[in-house]
Amino acid sequence: MQFKSKMNQTINQTQDEIIEEFSFFAEWMEKYEHIIEFGKDLPQISEQLKSEENLVKGCQSRVWLHAEDQDDKLVFTADSDAIITKGLVGLMVRVLSNHSPKEIAESELYFIDEIGLKVHLSPNRANGLSSMIKKMKLYAIAHMAKTNNG
């Protein structure tokens, strides 16, 4: 079962789409398998982006996250050395990539609770997910500051 977000949809539309996708799965093992698919769908990140600067602090496994400005939207690329963590970062890339820094910074990520991730992730993975979100929002805030003071 493969799902892709449509271009030009809002962050909330993508979150609603993900909530609907996860509603098809009754068992948490199926949901984990779906999360792993998000990792498989991530575009390959170049080796030079796997730098200390792009490493997400607070993740137990190694997670690299890079943001690039393309036509006033932030486009995220990411990778991880752990399969579920790679799926989680892939999920976050799907939700937040290709949006304006302002939209990303101001987004409320309600889908995480709605699909039950907070409850079913280990404390270490939950902390890692929070660190990923924080880094993505910090990229957005830094970009807004840079362009507003440009």
C-alpha atoms as a PDB file:
ATOM      1  CA  MET A   1       0.000   0.000   0.000  1.00  0.00           C
ATOM      2  CA  GLN A   2       1.768   3.148  -1.175  1.00  0.00           C
ATOM      3  CA  PHE A   3       0.634   6.678  -0.363  1.00  0.00           C
ATOM      4  CA  LYS A   4       2.114   9.920  -1.639  1.00  0.00           C
ATOM      5  CA  SER A   5       1.234  13.452  -0.626  1.00  0.00           C
ATOM      6  CA  LYS A   6       0.008  15.690  -3.343  1.00  0.00           C
ATOM      7  CA  MET A   7       2.004  18.801  -4.143  1.00  0.00           C
ATOM      8  CA  ASN A   8       0.575  22.092  -2.953  1.00  0.00           C
ATOM      9  CA  GLN A   9      -1.404  20.641  -0.106  1.00  0.00           C
ATOM     10  CA  THR A  10      -1.186  22.238   3.301  1.00  0.00           C
ATOM     11  CA  ILE A  11       0.628  20.698   6.243  1.00  0.00           C
ATOM     12  CA  ASN A  12      -2.751  19.967   7.844  1.00  0.00           C
ATOM     13  CA  GLN A  13      -4.047  18.270   4.678  1.00  0.00           C
ATOM     14  CA  THR A  14      -0.978  16.010   4.699  1.00  0.00           C
ATOM     15  CA  GLN A  15      -1.477  15.269   8.409  1.00  0.00           C
ATOM     16  CA  ASP A  16      -5.137  14.380   7.776  1.00  0.00           C
ATOM     17  CA  GLU A  17      -4.054  12.124   4.897  1.00  0.00           C
ATOM     18  CA  ILE A  18      -1.572  10.315   7.172  1.00  0.00           C
ATOM     19  CA  ILE A  19      -4.206   9.895   9.911  1.00  0.00           C
ATOM     20  CA  GLU A  20      -6.498   8.321   7.304  1.00  0.00           C
ATOM     21  CA  GLU A  21      -3.718   6.004   6.047  1.00  0.00           C
ATOM     22  CA  PHE A  22      -2.938   4.774   9.558  1.00  0.00           C
ATOM     23  CA  SER A  23      -6.639   4.131  10.224  1.00  0.00           C
ATOM     24  CA  PHE A  24      -6.433   1.244   7.701  1.00  0.00           C
ATOM     25  CA  PHE A  25      -4.104  -0.675  10.020  1.00  0.00           C
ATOM     26  CA  ALA A  26      -5.557  -2.491  13.013  1.00  0.00           C
ATOM     27  CA  GLU A  27      -2.309  -3.817  14.469  1.00  0.00           C
ATOM     28  CA  TRP A  28       0.721  -1.812  15.590  1.00  0.00           C
ATOM     29  CA  MET A  29       3.056  -4.134  13.695  1.00  0.00           C
ATOM     30  CA  GLU A  30       1.292  -3.060  10.485  1.00  0.00           C
ATOM     31  CA  LYS A  31       1.711   0.583  11.506  1.00  0.00           C
ATOM     32  CA  TYR A  32       5.430   0.038  12.141  1.00  0.00           C
ATOM     33  CA  GLU A  33       5.732  -1.559   8.710  1.00  0.00           C
ATOM     34  CA  HIS A  34       4.037   1.502   7.220  1.00  0.00           C
ATOM     35  CA  ILE A  35       6.454   3.788   9.106  1.00  0.00           C
ATOM     36  CA  ILE A  36       9.373   1.762   7.685  1.00  0.00           C
ATOM     37  CA  GLU A  37       7.953   2.409   4.179  1.00  0.00           C
ATOM     38  CA  PHE A  38       8.366   6.155   4.745  1.00  0.00           C
ATOM     39  CA  GLY A  39      12.065   5.519   5.267  1.00  0.00           C
ATOM     40  CA  LYS A  40      12.285   3.492   2.056  1.00  0.00           C
ATOM     41  CA  ASP A  41      10.610   6.362   0.181  1.00  0.00           C
ATOM     42  CA  LEU A  42      13.202   8.911   1.313  1.00  0.00           C
ATOM     43  CA  PRO A  43      15.359  10.158  -1.545  1.00  0.00           C
ATOM     44  CA  GLN A  44      19.021   9.195  -1.143  1.00  0.00           C
ATOM     45  CA  ILE A  45      20.916  11.866   0.810  1.00  0.00           C
ATOM     46  CA  SER A  46      24.382  12.718  -0.473  1.00  0.00           C
ATOM     47  CA  GLU A  47      27.302  11.551   1.666  1.00  0.00           C
ATOM     48  CA  GLN A  48      28.616  15.107   2.180  1.00  0.00           C
ATOM     49  CA  LEU A  49      25.316  16.001   3.886  1.00  0.00           C
ATOM     50  CA  LYS A  50      25.939  13.278   6.461  1.00  0.00           C
ATOM     51  CA  SER A  51      27.928  15.818   8.462  1.00  0.00           C
ATOM     52  CA  GLU A  52      28.143  16.666  12.148  1.00  0.00           C
ATOM     53  CA  GLU A  53      26.209  19.887  11.396  1.00  0.00           C
ATOM     54  CA  ASN A  54      23.244  17.913  10.001  1.00  0.00           C
ATOM     55  CA  LEU A  55      23.219  15.314  12.779  1.00  0.00           C
ATOM     56  CA  VAL A  56      20.080  15.524  14.932  1.00  0.00           C
ATOM     57  CA  LYS A  57      21.104  15.815  18.584  1.00  0.00           C
ATOM     58  CA  GLY A  58      18.976  13.831  21.017  1.00  0.00           C
ATOM     59  CA  CYS A  59      18.440  10.807  18.798  1.00  0.00           C
ATOM     60  CA  GLN A  60      19.785   7.490  19.982  1.00  0.00           C
ATOM     61  CA  SER A  61      20.506   6.407  16.420  1.00  0.00           C
ATOM     62  CA  ARG A  62      22.253   8.615  13.899  1.00  0.00           C
ATOM     63  CA  VAL A  63      19.865  10.880  11.992  1.00  0.00           C
ATOM     64  CA  TRP A  64      20.968  13.435   9.429  1.00  0.00           C
ATOM     65  CA  LEU A  65      18.586  16.204   8.452  1.00  0.00           C
ATOM     66  CA  HIS A  66      19.286  18.877   5.857  1.00  0.00           C
ATOM     67  CA  ALA A  67      17.129  21.802   4.717  1.00  0.00           C
ATOM     68  CA  GLU A  68      17.465  23.618   1.428  1.00  0.00           C
ATOM     69  CA  ASP A  69      15.606  26.690   0.206  1.00  0.00           C
ATOM     70  CA  GLN A  70      13.832  26.078  -3.112  1.00  0.00           C
ATOM     71  CA  ASP A  71      11.514  28.830  -4.359  1.00  0.00           C
ATOM     72  CA  ASP A  72      10.846  30.183  -0.839  1.00  0.00           C
ATOM     73  CA  LYS A  73      10.000  26.708   0.463  1.00  0.00           C
ATOM     74  CA  LEU A  74      12.166  24.495   2.641  1.00  0.00           C
ATOM     75  CA  VAL A  75      12.925  21.088   1.178  1.00  0.00           C
ATOM     76  CA  PHE A  76      14.196  18.537   3.677  1.00  0.00           C
ATOM     77  CA  THR A  77      16.395  15.551   2.978  1.00  0.00           C
ATOM     78  CA  ALA A  78      17.229  13.039   5.677  1.00  0.00           C
ATOM     79  CA  ASP A  79      18.675   9.648   6.494  1.00  0.00           C
ATOM     80  CA  SER A  80      19.233   7.411   9.490  1.00  0.00           C
ATOM     81  CA  ASP A  81      21.206   4.301  10.284  1.00  0.00           C
ATOM     82  CA  ALA A  82      18.160   2.732  12.027  1.00  0.00           C
ATOM     83  CA  ILE A  83      15.197   1.479  10.007  1.00  0.00           C
ATOM     84  CA  ILE A  84      12.308   2.709  12.200  1.00  0.00           C
ATOM     85  CA  THR A  85      14.048   6.016  12.893  1.00  0.00           C
ATOM     86  CA  LYS A  86      14.559   6.465   9.151  1.00  0.00           C
ATOM     87  CA  GLY A  87      10.831   5.857   8.735  1.00  0.00           C
ATOM     88  CA  LEU A  88      10.010   8.447  11.394  1.00  0.00           C
ATOM     89  CA  VAL A  89      12.214  11.087   9.778  1.00  0.00           C
ATOM     90  CA  GLY A  90      10.704  10.130   6.404  1.00  0.00           C
ATOM     91  CA  LEU A  91       7.265  10.722   7.870  1.00  0.00           C
ATOM     92  CA  MET A  92       8.341  14.169   9.128  1.00  0.00           C
ATOM     93  CA  VAL A  93       9.877  15.036   5.746  1.00  0.00           C
ATOM     94  CA  ARG A  94       6.592  14.115   4.076  1.00  0.00           C
ATOM     95  CA  VAL A  95       4.645  16.417   6.408  1.00  0.00           C
ATOM     96  CA  LEU A  96       6.956  19.442   6.554  1.00  0.00           C
ATOM     97  CA  SER A  97       8.971  19.472   3.323  1.00  0.00           C
ATOM     98  CA  ASN A  98       7.997  21.819   0.473  1.00  0.00           C
ATOM     99  CA  HIS A  99       6.341  24.391   2.731  1.00  0.00           C
ATOM    100  CA  SER A 100       7.275  27.949   3.583  1.00  0.00           C
ATOM    101  CA  PRO A 101       9.433  28.485   6.674  1.00  0.00           C
ATOM    102  CA  LYS A 102       6.514  30.361   8.286  1.00  0.00           C
ATOM    103  CA  GLU A 103       4.111  27.431   7.729  1.00  0.00           C
ATOM    104  CA  ILE A 104       6.669  24.985   9.168  1.00  0.00           C
ATOM    105  CA  ALA A 105       7.477  27.149  12.196  1.00  0.00           C
ATOM    106  CA  GLU A 106       3.798  27.690  13.016  1.00  0.00           C
ATOM    107  CA  SER A 107       2.538  24.166  12.304  1.00  0.00           C
ATOM    108  CA  GLU A 108       0.868  22.164  15.029  1.00  0.00           C
ATOM    109  CA  LEU A 109       1.688  18.510  14.474  1.00  0.00           C
ATOM    110  CA  TYR A 110      -1.468  16.857  15.788  1.00  0.00           C
ATOM    111  CA  PHE A 111      -1.148  13.709  13.642  1.00  0.00           C
ATOM    112  CA  ILE A 112       1.510  12.269  15.981  1.00  0.00           C
ATOM    113  CA  ASP A 113      -1.044  11.890  18.797  1.00  0.00           C
ATOM    114  CA  GLU A 114      -3.884  10.994  16.412  1.00  0.00           C
ATOM    115  CA  ILE A 115      -2.098   7.943  14.960  1.00  0.00           C
ATOM    116  CA  GLY A 116      -0.894   6.865  18.421  1.00  0.00           C
ATOM    117  CA  LEU A 117       2.821   7.384  17.857  1.00  0.00           C
ATOM    118  CA  LYS A 118       3.429   9.056  21.237  1.00  0.00           C
ATOM    119  CA  VAL A 119       1.928   6.077  23.042  1.00  0.00           C
ATOM    120  CA  HIS A 120       3.628   3.355  21.002  1.00  0.00           C
ATOM    121  CA  LEU A 121       7.147   4.724  20.633  1.00  0.00           C
ATOM    122  CA  SER A 122       9.790   3.900  23.188  1.00  0.00           C
ATOM    123  CA  PRO A 123      10.877   6.918  25.272  1.00  0.00           C
ATOM    124  CA  ASN A 124      14.166   7.072  23.316  1.00  0.00           C
ATOM    125  CA  ARG A 125      12.383   7.075  19.937  1.00  0.00           C
ATOM    126  CA  ALA A 126       9.831   9.622  21.186  1.00  0.00           C
ATOM    127  CA  ASN A 127      12.701  11.898  22.298  1.00  0.00           C
ATOM    128  CA  GLY A 128      14.354  11.399  18.924  1.00  0.00           C
ATOM    129  CA  LEU A 129      11.139  12.323  17.110  1.00  0.00           C
ATOM    130  CA  SER A 130      10.845  15.480  19.237  1.00  0.00           C
ATOM    131  CA  SER A 131      14.463  16.336  18.376  1.00  0.00           C
ATOM    132  CA  MET A 132      13.759  15.904  14.646  1.00  0.00           C
ATOM    133  CA  ILE A 133      10.726  18.200  14.850  1.00  0.00           C
ATOM    134  CA  LYS A 134      12.669  20.767  16.856  1.00  0.00           C
ATOM    135  CA  LYS A 135      15.513  20.784  14.306  1.00  0.00           C
ATOM    136  CA  MET A 136      13.079  21.160  11.378  1.00  0.00           C
ATOM    137  CA  LYS A 137      11.311  24.075  13.085  1.00  0.00           C
ATOM    138  CA  LEU A 138      14.667  25.670  13.984  1.00  0.00           C
ATOM    139  CA  TYR A 139      15.723  25.472  10.325  1.00  0.00           C
ATOM    140  CA  ALA A 140      12.479  27.289   9.451  1.00  0.00           C
ATOM    141  CA  ILE A 141      12.909  29.970  12.136  1.00  0.00           C
ATOM    142  CA  ALA A 142      16.557  30.536  11.179  1.00  0.00           C
ATOM    143  CA  HIS A 143      15.578  30.840   7.530  1.00  0.00           C
ATOM    144  CA  MET A 144      12.848  33.366   8.376  1.00  0.00           C
ATOM    145  CA  ALA A 145      15.310  35.417  10.438  1.00  0.00           C
ATOM    146  CA  LYS A 146      17.894  35.341   7.651  1.00  0.00           C
ATOM    147  CA  THR A 147      15.451  36.416   4.929  1.00  0.00           C
ATOM    148  CA  ASN A 148      13.711  39.071   7.063  1.00  0.00           C
ATOM    149  CA  ASN A 149      17.022  40.701   7.972  1.00  0.00           C
ATOM    150  CA  GLY A 150      18.534  39.988   4.561  1.00  0.00           C
END
